[in-house]
Amino acid sequence: MVNAIEAMAGEKQVTPSQLALAWIIGKDILPIPGTKRRKYLEQNIAAANIDLTEADIAKLESIVPLGTDTGNPYDEFSMGLID
């Protein structure tokens, strides 16, 4: 999945993170990406200006079908620290 997303992002000349944000923006989801660096904040904001076609969305949904288990966002120790 990661390789396919990276390849598609490269084709669109955006970062994989920007592609992911563009995919979910406007789907009644408000992403709140965290960053410590201005560079990445600017990249995240720029994702709102990426136009994805119906074909792009279909391709993304074929790469990561709805309901795909992508694992925990953190390792077991870190998950234990979350309240």
PDB file of N, CA and C in Angstrom:
ATOM      1  N   MET A   1       0.817  -1.194   0.000  1.00  0.00           N
ATOM      2  CA  MET A   1       0.000   0.000   0.000  1.00  0.00           C
ATOM      3  C   MET A   1       0.861   1.259   0.000  1.00  0.00           C
ATOM      4  N   VAL A   2       1.880   1.259   0.838  1.00  0.00           N
ATOM      5  CA  VAL A   2       2.724   2.453   0.960  1.00  0.00           C
ATOM      6  C   VAL A   2       3.396   2.770  -0.373  1.00  0.00           C
ATOM      7  N   ASN A   3       3.936   1.753  -1.018  1.00  0.00           N
ATOM      8  CA  ASN A   3       4.609   1.979  -2.300  1.00  0.00           C
ATOM      9  C   ASN A   3       3.648   2.541  -3.343  1.00  0.00           C
ATOM     10  N   ALA A   4       2.430   2.037  -3.368  1.00  0.00           N
ATOM     11  CA  ALA A   4       1.437   2.504  -4.341  1.00  0.00           C
ATOM     12  C   ALA A   4       1.034   3.947  -4.062  1.00  0.00           C
ATOM     13  N   ILE A   5       0.867   4.290  -2.792  1.00  0.00           N
ATOM     14  CA  ILE A   5       0.523   5.666  -2.422  1.00  0.00           C
ATOM     15  C   ILE A   5       1.682   6.602  -2.767  1.00  0.00           C
ATOM     16  N   GLU A   6       2.907   6.181  -2.463  1.00  0.00           N
ATOM     17  CA  GLU A   6       4.070   7.006  -2.785  1.00  0.00           C
ATOM     18  C   GLU A   6       4.183   7.224  -4.294  1.00  0.00           C
ATOM     19  N   ALA A   7       3.926   6.187  -5.067  1.00  0.00           N
ATOM     20  CA  ALA A   7       3.993   6.295  -6.527  1.00  0.00           C
ATOM     21  C   ALA A   7       2.932   7.270  -7.047  1.00  0.00           C
ATOM     22  N   MET A   8       1.729   7.162  -6.528  1.00  0.00           N
ATOM     23  CA  MET A   8       0.657   8.051  -6.969  1.00  0.00           C
ATOM     24  C   MET A   8       0.962   9.496  -6.579  1.00  0.00           C
ATOM     25  N   ALA A   9       1.492   9.694  -5.376  1.00  0.00           N
ATOM     26  CA  ALA A   9       1.868  11.042  -4.937  1.00  0.00           C
ATOM     27  C   ALA A   9       2.945  11.609  -5.860  1.00  0.00           C
ATOM     28  N   GLY A  10       3.898  10.776  -6.215  1.00  0.00           N
ATOM     29  CA  GLY A  10       4.946  11.217  -7.128  1.00  0.00           C
ATOM     30  C   GLY A  10       4.393  11.632  -8.480  1.00  0.00           C
ATOM     31  N   GLU A  11       3.424  10.872  -8.982  1.00  0.00           N
ATOM     32  CA  GLU A  11       2.784  11.204 -10.262  1.00  0.00           C
ATOM     33  C   GLU A  11       2.087  12.567 -10.188  1.00  0.00           C
ATOM     34  N   LYS A  12       1.496  12.865  -9.032  1.00  0.00           N
ATOM     35  CA  LYS A  12       0.770  14.128  -8.869  1.00  0.00           C
ATOM     36  C   LYS A  12       1.678  15.250  -8.371  1.00  0.00           C
ATOM     37  N   GLN A  13       2.957  14.928  -8.143  1.00  0.00           N
ATOM     38  CA  GLN A  13       3.955  15.881  -7.660  1.00  0.00           C
ATOM     39  C   GLN A  13       3.572  16.513  -6.323  1.00  0.00           C
ATOM     40  N   VAL A  14       3.098  15.652  -5.416  1.00  0.00           N
ATOM     41  CA  VAL A  14       2.779  16.052  -4.049  1.00  0.00           C
ATOM     42  C   VAL A  14       3.394  15.024  -3.114  1.00  0.00           C
ATOM     43  N   THR A  15       3.395  15.302  -1.829  1.00  0.00           N
ATOM     44  CA  THR A  15       3.904  14.324  -0.875  1.00  0.00           C
ATOM     45  C   THR A  15       2.799  13.298  -0.573  1.00  0.00           C
ATOM     46  N   PRO A  16       3.174  12.113  -0.105  1.00  0.00           N
ATOM     47  CA  PRO A  16       2.153  11.138   0.290  1.00  0.00           C
ATOM     48  C   PRO A  16       1.206  11.693   1.357  1.00  0.00           C
ATOM     49  N   SER A  17       1.740  12.492   2.279  1.00  0.00           N
ATOM     50  CA  SER A  17       0.894  13.086   3.312  1.00  0.00           C
ATOM     51  C   SER A  17      -0.119  14.048   2.715  1.00  0.00           C
ATOM     52  N   GLN A  18       0.327  14.849   1.752  1.00  0.00           N
ATOM     53  CA  GLN A  18      -0.592  15.774   1.092  1.00  0.00           C
ATOM     54  C   GLN A  18      -1.677  15.003   0.350  1.00  0.00           C
ATOM     55  N   LEU A  19      -1.299  13.923  -0.304  1.00  0.00           N
ATOM     56  CA  LEU A  19      -2.275  13.107  -1.026  1.00  0.00           C
ATOM     57  C   LEU A  19      -3.314  12.547  -0.059  1.00  0.00           C
ATOM     58  N   ALA A  20      -2.856  12.051   1.079  1.00  0.00           N
ATOM     59  CA  ALA A  20      -3.778  11.496   2.076  1.00  0.00           C
ATOM     60  C   ALA A  20      -4.726  12.561   2.605  1.00  0.00           C
ATOM     61  N   LEU A  21      -4.204  13.737   2.894  1.00  0.00           N
ATOM     62  CA  LEU A  21      -5.062  14.819   3.386  1.00  0.00           C
ATOM     63  C   LEU A  21      -6.065  15.254   2.324  1.00  0.00           C
ATOM     64  N   ALA A  22      -5.602  15.384   1.085  1.00  0.00           N
ATOM     65  CA  ALA A  22      -6.508  15.785  -0.001  1.00  0.00           C
ATOM     66  C   ALA A  22      -7.622  14.762  -0.177  1.00  0.00           C
ATOM     67  N   TRP A  23      -7.316  13.509   0.056  1.00  0.00           N
ATOM     68  CA  TRP A  23      -8.285  12.425  -0.098  1.00  0.00           C
ATOM     69  C   TRP A  23      -9.422  12.550   0.902  1.00  0.00           C
ATOM     70  N   ILE A  24      -9.109  12.959   2.133  1.00  0.00           N
ATOM     71  CA  ILE A  24     -10.157  12.982   3.158  1.00  0.00           C
ATOM     72  C   ILE A  24     -10.814  14.344   3.345  1.00  0.00           C
ATOM     73  N   ILE A  25     -10.167  15.411   2.864  1.00  0.00           N
ATOM     74  CA  ILE A  25     -10.754  16.751   3.006  1.00  0.00           C
ATOM     75  C   ILE A  25     -12.091  16.784   2.266  1.00  0.00           C
ATOM     76  N   GLY A  26     -13.106  17.280   2.934  1.00  0.00           N
ATOM     77  CA  GLY A  26     -14.425  17.407   2.320  1.00  0.00           C
ATOM     78  C   GLY A  26     -15.302  16.176   2.490  1.00  0.00           C
ATOM     79  N   LYS A  27     -14.865  15.206   3.262  1.00  0.00           N
ATOM     80  CA  LYS A  27     -15.662  14.006   3.498  1.00  0.00           C
ATOM     81  C   LYS A  27     -16.243  14.025   4.913  1.00  0.00           C
ATOM     82  N   ASP A  28     -16.658  15.190   5.367  1.00  0.00           N
ATOM     83  CA  ASP A  28     -17.170  15.360   6.725  1.00  0.00           C
ATOM     84  C   ASP A  28     -16.147  14.918   7.769  1.00  0.00           C
ATOM     85  N   ILE A  29     -14.894  15.066   7.417  1.00  0.00           N
ATOM     86  CA  ILE A  29     -13.784  14.744   8.320  1.00  0.00           C
ATOM     87  C   ILE A  29     -12.929  15.995   8.432  1.00  0.00           C
ATOM     88  N   LEU A  30     -12.554  16.350   9.635  1.00  0.00           N
ATOM     89  CA  LEU A  30     -11.676  17.481   9.838  1.00  0.00           C
ATOM     90  C   LEU A  30     -10.329  16.949  10.323  1.00  0.00           C
ATOM     91  N   PRO A  31      -9.376  16.803   9.401  1.00  0.00           N
ATOM     92  CA  PRO A  31      -8.069  16.299   9.833  1.00  0.00           C
ATOM     93  C   PRO A  31      -7.347  17.356  10.655  1.00  0.00           C
ATOM     94  N   ILE A  32      -6.667  16.912  11.683  1.00  0.00           N
ATOM     95  CA  ILE A  32      -5.867  17.810  12.505  1.00  0.00           C
ATOM     96  C   ILE A  32      -4.455  17.231  12.548  1.00  0.00           C
ATOM     97  N   PRO A  33      -3.712  17.448  11.460  1.00  0.00           N
ATOM     98  CA  PRO A  33      -2.355  16.891  11.433  1.00  0.00           C
ATOM     99  C   PRO A  33      -1.447  17.668  12.367  1.00  0.00           C
ATOM    100  N   GLY A  34      -0.611  16.963  13.072  1.00  0.00           N
ATOM    101  CA  GLY A  34       0.317  17.609  13.983  1.00  0.00           C
ATOM    102  C   GLY A  34       1.682  17.751  13.344  1.00  0.00           C
ATOM    103  N   THR A  35       2.360  18.824  13.660  1.00  0.00           N
ATOM    104  CA  THR A  35       3.714  19.035  13.163  1.00  0.00           C
ATOM    105  C   THR A  35       4.435  20.036  14.052  1.00  0.00           C
ATOM    106  N   LYS A  36       5.734  19.937  14.038  1.00  0.00           N
ATOM    107  CA  LYS A  36       6.549  20.892  14.779  1.00  0.00           C
ATOM    108  C   LYS A  36       7.271  21.842  13.829  1.00  0.00           C
ATOM    109  N   ARG A  37       7.159  21.595  12.552  1.00  0.00           N
ATOM    110  CA  ARG A  37       7.918  22.361  11.579  1.00  0.00           C
ATOM    111  C   ARG A  37       6.995  23.147  10.635  1.00  0.00           C
ATOM    112  N   ARG A  38       7.358  24.393  10.411  1.00  0.00           N
ATOM    113  CA  ARG A  38       6.572  25.261   9.537  1.00  0.00           C
ATOM    114  C   ARG A  38       6.448  24.661   8.133  1.00  0.00           C
ATOM    115  N   LYS A  39       7.537  24.064   7.642  1.00  0.00           N
ATOM    116  CA  LYS A  39       7.550  23.462   6.309  1.00  0.00           C
ATOM    117  C   LYS A  39       6.396  22.470   6.151  1.00  0.00           C
ATOM    118  N   TYR A  40       6.204  21.624   7.155  1.00  0.00           N
ATOM    119  CA  TYR A  40       5.159  20.604   7.075  1.00  0.00           C
ATOM    120  C   TYR A  40       3.771  21.201   7.272  1.00  0.00           C
ATOM    121  N   LEU A  41       3.680  22.248   8.086  1.00  0.00           N
ATOM    122  CA  LEU A  41       2.415  22.950   8.238  1.00  0.00           C
ATOM    123  C   LEU A  41       1.981  23.527   6.892  1.00  0.00           C
ATOM    124  N   GLU A  42       2.914  24.138   6.188  1.00  0.00           N
ATOM    125  CA  GLU A  42       2.610  24.706   4.876  1.00  0.00           C
ATOM    126  C   GLU A  42       2.216  23.614   3.882  1.00  0.00           C
ATOM    127  N   GLN A  43       2.900  22.456   3.937  1.00  0.00           N
ATOM    128  CA  GLN A  43       2.532  21.336   3.066  1.00  0.00           C
ATOM    129  C   GLN A  43       1.118  20.848   3.379  1.00  0.00           C
ATOM    130  N   ASN A  44       0.803  20.754   4.664  1.00  0.00           N
ATOM    131  CA  ASN A  44      -0.535  20.293   5.059  1.00  0.00           C
ATOM    132  C   ASN A  44      -1.609  21.253   4.553  1.00  0.00           C
ATOM    133  N   ILE A  45      -1.368  22.538   4.688  1.00  0.00           N
ATOM    134  CA  ILE A  45      -2.340  23.530   4.221  1.00  0.00           C
ATOM    135  C   ILE A  45      -2.501  23.443   2.709  1.00  0.00           C
ATOM    136  N   ALA A  46      -1.396  23.244   1.997  1.00  0.00           N
ATOM    137  CA  ALA A  46      -1.438  23.167   0.532  1.00  0.00           C
ATOM    138  C   ALA A  46      -2.263  21.978   0.050  1.00  0.00           C
ATOM    139  N   ALA A  47      -2.427  20.965   0.880  1.00  0.00           N
ATOM    140  CA  ALA A  47      -3.219  19.789   0.492  1.00  0.00           C
ATOM    141  C   ALA A  47      -4.659  20.157   0.172  1.00  0.00           C
ATOM    142  N   ALA A  48      -5.149  21.237   0.756  1.00  0.00           N
ATOM    143  CA  ALA A  48      -6.532  21.672   0.500  1.00  0.00           C
ATOM    144  C   ALA A  48      -6.720  22.136  -0.942  1.00  0.00           C
ATOM    145  N   ASN A  49      -5.626  22.434  -1.624  1.00  0.00           N
ATOM    146  CA  ASN A  49      -5.705  22.923  -3.004  1.00  0.00           C
ATOM    147  C   ASN A  49      -5.446  21.834  -4.041  1.00  0.00           C
ATOM    148  N   ILE A  50      -5.290  20.604  -3.596  1.00  0.00           N
ATOM    149  CA  ILE A  50      -5.049  19.495  -4.523  1.00  0.00           C
ATOM    150  C   ILE A  50      -6.394  18.997  -5.034  1.00  0.00           C
ATOM    151  N   ASP A  51      -6.548  19.007  -6.336  1.00  0.00           N
ATOM    152  CA  ASP A  51      -7.783  18.515  -6.943  1.00  0.00           C
ATOM    153  C   ASP A  51      -7.625  17.048  -7.318  1.00  0.00           C
ATOM    154  N   LEU A  52      -8.468  16.228  -6.736  1.00  0.00           N
ATOM    155  CA  LEU A  52      -8.471  14.807  -7.080  1.00  0.00           C
ATOM    156  C   LEU A  52      -9.679  14.513  -7.960  1.00  0.00           C
ATOM    157  N   THR A  53      -9.435  13.830  -9.054  1.00  0.00           N
ATOM    158  CA  THR A  53     -10.522  13.451  -9.955  1.00  0.00           C
ATOM    159  C   THR A  53     -11.233  12.223  -9.388  1.00  0.00           C
ATOM    160  N   GLU A  54     -12.363  11.895  -9.969  1.00  0.00           N
ATOM    161  CA  GLU A  54     -13.080  10.675  -9.576  1.00  0.00           C
ATOM    162  C   GLU A  54     -12.164   9.454  -9.788  1.00  0.00           C
ATOM    163  N   ALA A  55     -11.377   9.499 -10.870  1.00  0.00           N
ATOM    164  CA  ALA A  55     -10.450   8.397 -11.151  1.00  0.00           C
ATOM    165  C   ALA A  55      -9.363   8.307 -10.082  1.00  0.00           C
ATOM    166  N   ASP A  56      -8.873   9.463  -9.612  1.00  0.00           N
ATOM    167  CA  ASP A  56      -7.873   9.477  -8.536  1.00  0.00           C
ATOM    168  C   ASP A  56      -8.447   8.849  -7.267  1.00  0.00           C
ATOM    169  N   ILE A  57      -9.656   9.246  -6.935  1.00  0.00           N
ATOM    170  CA  ILE A  57     -10.297   8.723  -5.722  1.00  0.00           C
ATOM    171  C   ILE A  57     -10.538   7.232  -5.850  1.00  0.00           C
ATOM    172  N   ALA A  58     -10.984   6.790  -7.009  1.00  0.00           N
ATOM    173  CA  ALA A  58     -11.207   5.359  -7.232  1.00  0.00           C
ATOM    174  C   ALA A  58      -9.893   4.593  -7.100  1.00  0.00           C
ATOM    175  N   LYS A  59      -8.810   5.169  -7.614  1.00  0.00           N
ATOM    176  CA  LYS A  59      -7.502   4.513  -7.516  1.00  0.00           C
ATOM    177  C   LYS A  59      -7.070   4.416  -6.055  1.00  0.00           C
ATOM    178  N   LEU A  60      -7.232   5.494  -5.297  1.00  0.00           N
ATOM    179  CA  LEU A  60      -6.875   5.476  -3.879  1.00  0.00           C
ATOM    180  C   LEU A  60      -7.697   4.434  -3.125  1.00  0.00           C
ATOM    181  N   GLU A  61      -8.993   4.382  -3.431  1.00  0.00           N
ATOM    182  CA  GLU A  61      -9.862   3.424  -2.741  1.00  0.00           C
ATOM    183  C   GLU A  61      -9.559   1.989  -3.148  1.00  0.00           C
ATOM    184  N   SER A  62      -8.965   1.784  -4.316  1.00  0.00           N
ATOM    185  CA  SER A  62      -8.556   0.431  -4.697  1.00  0.00           C
ATOM    186  C   SER A  62      -7.249   0.046  -4.004  1.00  0.00           C
ATOM    187  N   ILE A  63      -6.413   1.051  -3.711  1.00  0.00           N
ATOM    188  CA  ILE A  63      -5.151   0.787  -3.009  1.00  0.00           C
ATOM    189  C   ILE A  63      -5.427   0.472  -1.544  1.00  0.00           C
ATOM    190  N   VAL A  64      -6.298   1.257  -0.931  1.00  0.00           N
ATOM    191  CA  VAL A  64      -6.641   1.077   0.490  1.00  0.00           C
ATOM    192  C   VAL A  64      -8.162   0.977   0.590  1.00  0.00           C
ATOM    193  N   PRO A  65      -8.701  -0.225   0.391  1.00  0.00           N
ATOM    194  CA  PRO A  65     -10.157  -0.382   0.450  1.00  0.00           C
ATOM    195  C   PRO A  65     -10.717  -0.033   1.836  1.00  0.00           C
ATOM    196  N   LEU A  66     -11.942   0.462   1.851  1.00  0.00           N
ATOM    197  CA  LEU A  66     -12.620   0.791   3.096  1.00  0.00           C
ATOM    198  C   LEU A  66     -12.584  -0.408   4.036  1.00  0.00           C
ATOM    199  N   GLY A  67     -12.211  -0.179   5.276  1.00  0.00           N
ATOM    200  CA  GLY A  67     -12.175  -1.241   6.268  1.00  0.00           C
ATOM    201  C   GLY A  67     -10.832  -1.940   6.379  1.00  0.00           C
ATOM    202  N   THR A  68      -9.844  -1.507   5.595  1.00  0.00           N
ATOM    203  CA  THR A  68      -8.520  -2.118   5.658  1.00  0.00           C
ATOM    204  C   THR A  68      -7.895  -1.843   7.014  1.00  0.00           C
ATOM    205  N   ASP A  69      -7.428  -2.892   7.668  1.00  0.00           N
ATOM    206  CA  ASP A  69      -6.753  -2.740   8.956  1.00  0.00           C
ATOM    207  C   ASP A  69      -5.315  -2.339   8.685  1.00  0.00           C
ATOM    208  N   THR A  70      -4.982  -1.109   9.027  1.00  0.00           N
ATOM    209  CA  THR A  70      -3.625  -0.619   8.802  1.00  0.00           C
ATOM    210  C   THR A  70      -2.795  -0.642  10.083  1.00  0.00           C
ATOM    211  N   GLY A  71      -3.331  -1.229  11.141  1.00  0.00           N
ATOM    212  CA  GLY A  71      -2.586  -1.372  12.388  1.00  0.00           C
ATOM    213  C   GLY A  71      -2.750  -0.188  13.319  1.00  0.00           C
ATOM    214  N   ASN A  72      -2.155  -0.309  14.481  1.00  0.00           N
ATOM    215  CA  ASN A  72      -2.212   0.754  15.480  1.00  0.00           C
ATOM    216  C   ASN A  72      -1.282   1.895  15.080  1.00  0.00           C
ATOM    217  N   PRO A  73      -1.639   3.117  15.431  1.00  0.00           N
ATOM    218  CA  PRO A  73      -0.772   4.241  15.100  1.00  0.00           C
ATOM    219  C   PRO A  73       0.486   4.295  15.971  1.00  0.00           C
ATOM    220  N   TYR A  74       0.465   3.598  17.114  1.00  0.00           N
ATOM    221  CA  TYR A  74       1.584   3.610  18.039  1.00  0.00           C
ATOM    222  C   TYR A  74       1.918   2.178  18.455  1.00  0.00           C
ATOM    223  N   ASP A  75       3.140   1.987  18.978  1.00  0.00           N
ATOM    224  CA  ASP A  75       3.512   0.674  19.483  1.00  0.00           C
ATOM    225  C   ASP A  75       2.776   0.396  20.797  1.00  0.00           C
ATOM    226  N   GLU A  76       2.897  -0.822  21.292  1.00  0.00           N
ATOM    227  CA  GLU A  76       2.135  -1.243  22.479  1.00  0.00           C
ATOM    228  C   GLU A  76       2.437  -0.367  23.700  1.00  0.00           C
ATOM    229  N   PHE A  77       3.710  -0.046  23.920  1.00  0.00           N
ATOM    230  CA  PHE A  77       4.083   0.778  25.061  1.00  0.00           C
ATOM    231  C   PHE A  77       3.429   2.162  24.969  1.00  0.00           C
ATOM    232  N   SER A  78       3.522   2.790  23.795  1.00  0.00           N
ATOM    233  CA  SER A  78       2.961   4.128  23.616  1.00  0.00           C
ATOM    234  C   SER A  78       1.440   4.116  23.734  1.00  0.00           C
ATOM    235  N   MET A  79       0.795   3.057  23.238  1.00  0.00           N
ATOM    236  CA  MET A  79      -0.649   2.951  23.369  1.00  0.00           C
ATOM    237  C   MET A  79      -1.055   2.933  24.834  1.00  0.00           C
ATOM    238  N   GLY A  80      -0.208   2.329  25.677  1.00  0.00           N
ATOM    239  CA  GLY A  80      -0.476   2.279  27.111  1.00  0.00           C
ATOM    240  C   GLY A  80      -0.404   3.641  27.783  1.00  0.00           C
ATOM    241  N   LEU A  81       0.265   4.592  27.156  1.00  0.00           N
ATOM    242  CA  LEU A  81       0.401   5.935  27.709  1.00  0.00           C
ATOM    243  C   LEU A  81      -0.757   6.841  27.363  1.00  0.00           C
ATOM    244  N   ILE A  82      -1.582   6.380  26.420  1.00  0.00           N
ATOM    245  CA  ILE A  82      -2.717   7.202  25.967  1.00  0.00           C
ATOM    246  C   ILE A  82      -3.869   7.036  26.949  1.00  0.00           C
ATOM    247  N   ASP A  83      -4.431   8.140  27.382  1.00  0.00           N
ATOM    248  CA  ASP A  83      -5.524   8.096  28.354  1.00  0.00           C
ATOM    249  C   ASP A  83      -6.819   7.829  27.640  1.00  0.00           C
TER     250      ASP A  83
END
